[in-house]
Amino acid sequence: MKIGSILENQKVEKRIAITPEIVKKYASLGFEIFLSENYGAHLGIKDEHYKEVGVKILKDEKEILNSCDMVVQLGILSEERFSNLKENQIFIGVLNPYNNREKLENLAKKKINLFSLELLPRITRAQSMDILSSQANLAGYKAVIESFANFEKAIPMMMTAAGTVPAAKVLIVGAGVAGLQAIATAKRMGAIVFATDVRMASKEQVESLGGKFLTVEGAENLETEGGYAKEASDDFKKKQEELLSETLKKIDIVICTALIPGKKAPLIIKENMIKNMQAGSVIYDLAAIQGGNTAFTEVDKIIERNGVQIMGESNILNKLPISASNLYAKNVFNFVDNLFDKDNKKININLEDEIIEKTLIK
């Protein structure tokens, strides 16, 4: 069995899918590993580091894509690169099937087995493979660091002979994995933290991290069976808007993390709310790539409105590529390990396994 990976488009993706640490685990299953030249050079991982653990480095990307039984990547490949895949190969990555449905369906017709890891079911057995959680965790942390770096006041309360500097007030919109890590990070740095979410189950988690949960009066529990947020009713949105409008008047930093899988990000912070915020405040919008949670979010730009800075990036994890790659590589290996039939030493696409059935693009 051969497993391979090629360098992503460096303009949009700096993470890698196979790290030297994980190579030994693949080798223990009997895989040969093939990587493109300078695969990890941008992260300080030289080709020699891979060769030392048994990886074969090839100059020709086409050879890797055409000869390997399995290809693992971060994202979807270009049409040209995908044309090098062959029948019955396995391709694993974050394929964004909601936006790439037609392209993926055409590839599936060519009998290429496509697995998209963001479709993993939220079950205990899949936790070690959960790329959404591992990557969102880092994104929540980094969003706080980035917004604090642009905030021109101190974060923790400081008592000095010249007077007291009050602690910054932070609001986290959306208390999923990214939001909870943002709460924990902001608290560790001395901020006063508030959070809101449409899922009432989040209240206990927010409070356990020292945050104050803002509850919409008469809130309904807007959570799917899979543990994701679902779209709110118009009545809920109106009540949430009133609560946020008042809260934002005293908030210094906002971290937006609200996403609905497969849909445009919900517009939560509207123009009139931003007008009422204090000049010098910062909003970091982690939902920017899906349209953003604010009225003014633009991808990879810092927009200023009424003295409020609004930030959002296409891929914040490009600022933490080493940590993100280490976690992603482990997630992918655990997924491959589940696919592997150890008794017969081969890949078994067992559709009775919920993990395999849910992630396979049909």
Protein backbone atom coordinates (compact mmCIF):
# COMPACT_ATOMS: atom_id res chain seq x y z
CA MET A 1 0.00 0.00 0.00
CA LYS A 2 1.28 3.43 -0.97
CA ILE A 3 0.14 6.69 0.62
CA GLY A 4 1.13 10.06 -0.75
CA SER A 5 0.71 13.81 -0.36
CA ILE A 6 1.77 16.81 -2.42
CA LEU A 7 2.41 20.41 -1.43
CA GLU A 8 -0.71 22.56 -1.20
CA ASN A 9 -1.09 25.90 -2.99
CA GLN A 10 1.10 27.98 -0.65
CA LYS A 11 -0.88 31.15 -1.35
CA VAL A 12 -3.92 29.72 0.43
CA GLU A 13 -2.71 26.80 2.56
CA LYS A 14 0.49 26.34 4.59
CA ARG A 15 -0.60 23.28 6.56
CA ILE A 16 0.56 19.80 5.61
CA ALA A 17 -1.17 16.43 6.00
CA ILE A 18 1.80 14.18 6.85
CA THR A 19 4.42 15.10 9.46
CA PRO A 20 7.63 13.15 10.22
CA GLU A 21 6.18 12.10 13.57
CA ILE A 22 3.18 10.44 11.93
CA VAL A 23 5.22 8.62 9.24
CA LYS A 24 6.22 5.88 11.70
CA LYS A 25 2.56 5.17 12.44
CA TYR A 26 1.77 4.73 8.76
CA ALA A 27 4.82 2.50 8.37
CA SER A 28 3.58 0.33 11.25
CA LEU A 29 0.46 -0.41 9.16
CA GLY A 30 2.66 -1.39 6.21
CA PHE A 31 2.31 1.80 4.14
CA GLU A 32 5.05 3.24 1.94
CA ILE A 33 4.99 7.03 2.08
CA PHE A 34 5.63 9.29 -0.93
CA LEU A 35 5.87 13.08 -0.66
CA SER A 36 6.65 15.86 -3.11
CA GLU A 37 9.98 17.65 -2.96
CA ASN A 38 10.24 20.39 -0.28
CA TYR A 39 6.93 19.19 1.15
CA GLY A 40 7.55 20.62 4.64
CA ALA A 41 10.40 23.04 3.91
CA HIS A 42 8.24 26.11 4.62
CA LEU A 43 7.66 24.75 8.14
CA GLY A 44 11.36 24.06 8.73
CA ILE A 45 11.02 20.35 7.93
CA LYS A 46 13.71 19.39 5.43
CA ASP A 47 13.39 16.52 2.98
CA GLU A 48 16.21 14.81 4.88
CA HIS A 49 14.00 14.65 7.98
CA TYR A 50 11.43 12.69 6.01
CA LYS A 51 14.02 10.47 4.33
CA GLU A 52 15.44 9.54 7.75
CA VAL A 53 12.09 7.96 8.69
CA GLY A 54 11.70 6.12 5.39
CA VAL A 55 9.75 8.56 3.20
CA LYS A 56 10.42 8.54 -0.54
CA ILE A 57 10.70 12.09 -1.90
CA LEU A 58 9.70 12.57 -5.55
CA LYS A 59 10.07 15.61 -7.79
CA ASP A 60 7.13 14.66 -9.97
CA GLU A 61 3.75 15.39 -8.31
CA LYS A 62 1.94 13.54 -11.09
CA GLU A 63 3.78 10.34 -10.21
CA ILE A 64 2.64 10.59 -6.59
CA LEU A 65 -0.99 11.27 -7.52
CA ASN A 66 -1.04 8.52 -10.13
CA SER A 67 0.82 5.75 -8.32
CA CYS A 68 -0.38 5.96 -4.70
CA ASP A 69 -3.32 3.90 -3.42
CA MET A 70 -4.26 6.75 -1.11
CA VAL A 71 -3.69 10.52 -1.29
CA VAL A 72 -4.15 12.75 1.77
CA GLN A 73 -4.35 16.54 1.53
CA LEU A 74 -5.84 19.55 3.31
CA GLY A 75 -8.15 20.79 0.60
CA ILE A 76 -9.52 19.97 -2.80
CA LEU A 77 -7.03 19.83 -5.69
CA SER A 78 -7.17 21.77 -8.96
CA GLU A 79 -8.86 20.13 -11.96
CA GLU A 80 -5.45 19.52 -13.52
CA ARG A 81 -4.10 17.76 -10.45
CA PHE A 82 -7.27 15.74 -9.91
CA SER A 83 -6.99 14.47 -13.50
CA ASN A 84 -3.93 12.49 -12.39
CA LEU A 85 -5.92 10.36 -9.96
CA LYS A 86 -6.98 6.92 -11.09
CA GLU A 87 -9.92 4.58 -10.56
CA ASN A 88 -10.31 3.03 -7.08
CA GLN A 89 -7.85 5.45 -5.46
CA ILE A 90 -8.73 6.97 -2.09
CA PHE A 91 -8.54 10.73 -1.61
CA ILE A 92 -8.88 12.17 1.90
CA GLY A 93 -9.11 15.85 2.81
CA VAL A 94 -11.36 18.77 3.74
CA LEU A 95 -13.31 18.89 0.49
CA ASN A 96 -16.07 21.39 1.33
CA PRO A 97 -18.76 19.35 -0.45
CA TYR A 98 -21.39 22.08 -0.01
CA ASN A 99 -19.43 24.40 -2.33
CA ASN A 100 -17.77 21.76 -4.51
CA ARG A 101 -20.66 19.35 -4.97
CA GLU A 102 -20.63 19.12 -8.78
CA LYS A 103 -16.85 18.73 -8.99
CA LEU A 104 -16.83 16.00 -6.34
CA GLU A 105 -19.78 14.16 -7.86
CA ASN A 106 -17.94 14.02 -11.20
CA LEU A 107 -14.87 12.59 -9.49
CA ALA A 108 -16.98 10.03 -7.62
CA LYS A 109 -18.39 8.89 -11.00
CA LYS A 110 -14.80 8.09 -12.02
CA LYS A 111 -14.77 5.62 -9.10
CA ILE A 112 -12.38 7.69 -6.99
CA ASN A 113 -13.25 7.19 -3.31
CA LEU A 114 -13.49 10.68 -1.82
CA PHE A 115 -13.60 11.20 1.94
CA SER A 116 -14.34 14.66 3.35
CA LEU A 117 -13.31 14.85 7.00
CA GLU A 118 -15.54 17.76 7.99
CA LEU A 119 -18.48 15.38 7.55
CA LEU A 120 -17.37 13.16 10.44
CA PRO A 121 -20.25 12.29 12.77
CA ARG A 122 -20.00 13.69 16.26
CA ILE A 123 -19.68 10.36 18.05
CA THR A 124 -17.20 9.31 20.71
CA ARG A 125 -15.36 6.93 18.39
CA ALA A 126 -14.69 9.73 15.90
CA GLN A 127 -13.23 12.24 18.37
CA SER A 128 -9.60 11.37 17.59
CA MET A 129 -10.32 12.06 13.89
CA ASP A 130 -12.30 15.27 14.41
CA ILE A 131 -10.47 17.82 12.30
CA LEU A 132 -13.13 20.49 12.89
CA SER A 133 -12.49 20.42 16.63
CA SER A 134 -8.69 20.28 16.48
CA GLN A 135 -8.45 23.12 13.97
CA ALA A 136 -11.24 25.24 15.49
CA ASN A 137 -9.54 24.99 18.87
CA LEU A 138 -6.41 26.64 17.45
CA ALA A 139 -8.47 29.17 15.47
CA GLY A 140 -10.30 30.32 18.62
CA TYR A 141 -7.01 30.81 20.42
CA LYS A 142 -5.37 32.68 17.56
CA ALA A 143 -8.40 34.94 16.99
CA VAL A 144 -8.04 36.23 20.54
CA ILE A 145 -4.29 36.80 20.12
CA GLU A 146 -4.81 38.65 16.83
CA SER A 147 -7.59 40.87 18.15
CA PHE A 148 -5.67 41.67 21.35
CA ALA A 149 -2.65 42.64 19.23
CA ASN A 150 -4.80 45.22 17.41
CA PHE A 151 -6.47 46.51 20.58
CA GLU A 152 -4.63 49.59 21.79
CA LYS A 153 -5.30 49.19 25.51
CA ALA A 154 -4.13 46.74 28.16
CA ILE A 155 -6.17 43.55 28.57
CA PRO A 156 -5.95 42.71 32.31
CA MET A 157 -6.86 45.06 35.14
CA MET A 158 -3.76 46.85 36.41
CA MET A 159 -3.57 48.77 39.64
CA THR A 160 -0.81 51.36 39.70
CA ALA A 161 0.13 54.43 41.75
CA ALA A 162 -1.08 56.52 38.83
CA GLY A 163 -4.49 54.86 38.81
CA THR A 164 -6.28 51.69 37.79
CA VAL A 165 -6.47 50.34 34.26
CA PRO A 166 -9.78 48.47 33.89
CA ALA A 167 -9.87 44.96 32.42
CA ALA A 168 -10.95 44.67 28.79
CA LYS A 169 -14.45 43.29 28.21
CA VAL A 170 -14.67 40.55 25.59
CA LEU A 171 -17.76 39.07 23.95
CA ILE A 172 -17.60 35.66 22.26
CA VAL A 173 -20.41 35.09 19.75
CA GLY A 174 -20.86 31.34 19.35
CA ALA A 175 -19.66 28.95 22.05
CA GLY A 176 -18.60 25.96 19.98
CA VAL A 177 -15.06 24.60 20.06
CA ALA A 178 -13.52 27.83 18.72
CA GLY A 179 -15.64 29.97 21.01
CA LEU A 180 -14.84 27.97 24.14
CA GLN A 181 -11.11 28.16 23.42
CA ALA A 182 -11.48 31.90 22.82
CA ILE A 183 -13.17 32.24 26.22
CA ALA A 184 -10.40 30.28 27.95
CA THR A 185 -7.66 32.28 26.21
CA ALA A 186 -9.23 35.67 26.94
CA LYS A 187 -9.77 34.72 30.59
CA ARG A 188 -6.15 33.58 30.96
CA MET A 189 -5.05 36.98 29.70
CA GLY A 190 -7.13 38.79 32.29
CA ALA A 191 -10.19 39.91 30.32
CA ILE A 192 -13.78 39.93 31.56
CA VAL A 193 -15.55 37.54 29.21
CA PHE A 194 -19.18 37.28 28.06
CA ALA A 195 -20.54 34.72 25.59
CA THR A 196 -23.72 33.94 23.72
CA ASP A 197 -24.90 30.94 21.72
CA VAL A 198 -28.17 29.61 20.33
CA ARG A 199 -27.50 26.22 21.97
CA MET A 200 -28.54 26.31 25.62
CA ALA A 201 -26.20 23.38 26.35
CA SER A 202 -23.35 25.87 25.95
CA LYS A 203 -24.30 27.80 29.10
CA GLU A 204 -22.70 25.34 31.51
CA GLN A 205 -19.55 25.08 29.40
CA VAL A 206 -19.17 28.86 29.17
CA GLU A 207 -19.62 29.30 32.92
CA SER A 208 -17.16 26.49 33.71
CA LEU A 209 -14.49 28.53 31.90
CA GLY A 210 -15.30 31.68 33.87
CA GLY A 211 -17.40 33.40 31.22
CA LYS A 212 -20.81 34.98 31.71
CA PHE A 213 -23.46 33.45 29.44
CA LEU A 214 -25.90 35.94 27.92
CA THR A 215 -29.30 34.28 27.71
CA VAL A 216 -31.99 35.43 25.33
CA GLU A 217 -35.32 35.56 27.17
CA GLY A 218 -37.46 32.54 26.31
CA ALA A 219 -34.57 31.02 24.33
CA GLU A 220 -35.17 27.81 22.44
CA ASN A 221 -32.47 25.16 22.18
CA LEU A 222 -31.28 25.48 18.58
CA GLU A 223 -29.06 22.42 18.37
CA THR A 224 -29.11 19.63 15.80
CA GLU A 225 -28.81 15.97 16.73
CA GLY A 226 -25.21 16.14 15.51
CA GLY A 227 -24.37 18.86 18.03
CA TYR A 228 -24.22 21.77 15.56
CA ALA A 229 -26.14 25.05 15.70
CA LYS A 230 -29.18 25.35 13.47
CA GLU A 231 -30.84 28.45 12.11
CA ALA A 232 -32.79 30.53 14.61
CA SER A 233 -36.41 31.69 14.25
CA ASP A 234 -37.17 35.33 13.44
CA ASP A 235 -38.48 35.86 16.99
CA PHE A 236 -35.24 34.52 18.50
CA LYS A 237 -33.15 36.65 16.15
CA LYS A 238 -35.05 39.79 17.19
CA LYS A 239 -34.56 39.09 20.92
CA GLN A 240 -30.89 38.23 20.36
CA GLU A 241 -30.41 41.46 18.44
CA GLU A 242 -31.88 43.54 21.29
CA LEU A 243 -29.64 41.80 23.85
CA LEU A 244 -26.54 42.21 21.72
CA SER A 245 -27.27 45.87 20.94
CA GLU A 246 -27.20 46.73 24.64
CA THR A 247 -24.26 44.47 25.47
CA LEU A 248 -22.02 45.75 22.67
CA LYS A 249 -22.13 49.31 24.04
CA LYS A 250 -19.78 48.23 26.84
CA ILE A 251 -17.69 45.63 24.98
CA ASP A 252 -14.09 46.24 23.86
CA ILE A 253 -13.39 43.11 21.81
CA VAL A 254 -15.75 40.75 19.97
CA ILE A 255 -14.81 37.30 18.64
CA CYS A 256 -17.40 35.97 16.16
CA THR A 257 -17.46 32.20 15.58
CA ALA A 258 -21.06 31.50 14.54
CA LEU A 259 -21.36 29.12 11.57
CA ILE A 260 -24.09 26.88 10.16
CA PRO A 261 -22.64 23.94 8.17
CA GLY A 262 -23.25 24.31 4.44
CA LYS A 263 -24.85 27.75 4.68
CA LYS A 264 -23.84 31.38 4.64
CA ALA A 265 -22.74 32.55 8.09
CA PRO A 266 -25.59 34.22 10.01
CA LEU A 267 -25.48 38.02 10.12
CA ILE A 268 -25.45 38.74 13.86
CA ILE A 269 -23.70 42.08 14.40
CA LYS A 270 -25.49 44.64 12.27
CA GLU A 271 -24.54 48.14 11.18
CA ASN A 272 -26.58 49.91 13.89
CA MET A 273 -24.90 47.78 16.60
CA ILE A 274 -21.41 48.71 15.41
CA LYS A 275 -22.39 52.40 15.41
CA ASN A 276 -23.10 52.10 19.14
CA MET A 277 -19.78 50.42 20.00
CA GLN A 278 -16.92 52.35 21.59
CA ALA A 279 -14.26 53.75 19.26
CA GLY A 280 -11.11 51.65 19.54
CA SER A 281 -13.04 48.38 19.84
CA VAL A 282 -12.02 45.35 17.77
CA ILE A 283 -14.11 42.63 16.13
CA TYR A 284 -12.44 39.44 14.88
CA ASP A 285 -14.76 37.48 12.60
CA LEU A 286 -13.83 33.80 12.28
CA ALA A 287 -16.83 33.33 10.00
CA ALA A 288 -15.39 35.70 7.37
CA ILE A 289 -14.80 33.01 4.75
CA GLN A 290 -18.52 32.10 4.83
CA GLY A 291 -19.77 35.66 4.56
CA GLY A 292 -19.09 36.85 8.10
CA ASN A 293 -21.14 37.47 11.23
CA THR A 294 -20.92 41.26 10.89
CA ALA A 295 -22.33 43.72 8.34
CA PHE A 296 -18.88 44.88 7.22
CA THR A 297 -16.59 41.83 7.33
CA GLU A 298 -14.27 41.48 4.34
CA VAL A 299 -11.90 38.55 3.94
CA ASP A 300 -8.21 39.35 4.61
CA LYS A 301 -8.91 43.03 5.29
CA ILE A 302 -9.20 45.23 8.36
CA ILE A 303 -12.27 47.41 7.89
CA GLU A 304 -12.81 50.44 10.13
CA ARG A 305 -16.31 51.73 10.89
CA ASN A 306 -16.93 54.46 13.46
CA GLY A 307 -13.55 53.76 15.03
CA VAL A 308 -14.24 49.99 15.30
CA GLN A 309 -11.80 47.63 13.57
CA ILE A 310 -13.38 44.56 11.91
CA MET A 311 -10.98 41.74 11.02
CA GLY A 312 -11.42 38.46 9.19
CA GLU A 313 -9.04 36.10 7.39
CA SER A 314 -9.47 33.41 4.78
CA ASN A 315 -7.31 31.00 6.77
CA ILE A 316 -6.20 32.06 10.25
CA LEU A 317 -4.48 28.69 10.68
CA ASN A 318 -1.82 29.81 8.20
CA LYS A 319 -0.53 31.76 11.20
CA LEU A 320 -0.21 28.55 13.24
CA PRO A 321 0.72 26.06 10.50
CA ILE A 322 3.06 23.89 12.57
CA SER A 323 0.65 23.28 15.44
CA ALA A 324 -2.28 22.93 13.04
CA SER A 325 -0.39 20.45 10.83
CA ASN A 326 0.62 18.29 13.78
CA LEU A 327 -3.00 17.95 14.91
CA TYR A 328 -4.40 17.51 11.40
CA ALA A 329 -1.85 14.80 10.55
CA LYS A 330 -2.86 12.85 13.68
CA ASN A 331 -6.55 13.23 12.86
CA VAL A 332 -5.98 11.91 9.33
CA PHE A 333 -3.90 8.97 10.52
CA ASN A 334 -6.62 7.96 12.98
CA PHE A 335 -9.13 8.08 10.13
CA VAL A 336 -6.90 5.93 7.90
CA ASP A 337 -6.30 3.52 10.78
CA ASN A 338 -10.07 3.05 11.04
CA LEU A 339 -10.24 2.33 7.29
CA PHE A 340 -7.47 -0.24 7.51
CA ASP A 341 -8.31 -3.92 7.91
CA LYS A 342 -5.39 -5.12 10.01
CA ASP A 343 -6.21 -8.80 9.58
CA ASN A 344 -6.10 -8.69 5.79
CA LYS A 345 -3.61 -5.81 5.54
CA LYS A 346 -5.78 -3.75 3.21
CA ILE A 347 -8.20 -0.83 3.10
CA ASN A 348 -11.80 -1.80 3.77
CA ILE A 349 -14.49 0.72 2.84
CA ASN A 350 -17.10 -0.71 5.19
CA LEU A 351 -20.28 1.31 4.71
CA GLU A 352 -21.79 -0.22 7.85
CA ASP A 353 -19.27 1.88 9.79
CA GLU A 354 -20.96 5.24 10.46
CA ILE A 355 -17.64 7.10 10.27
CA ILE A 356 -16.89 5.75 6.79
CA GLU A 357 -20.46 6.01 5.52
CA LYS A 358 -20.89 9.66 6.59
CA THR A 359 -17.59 10.93 5.19
CA LEU A 360 -17.68 9.15 1.80
CA ILE A 361 -18.81 11.43 -1.04
CA LYS A 362 -21.33 9.43 -3.05
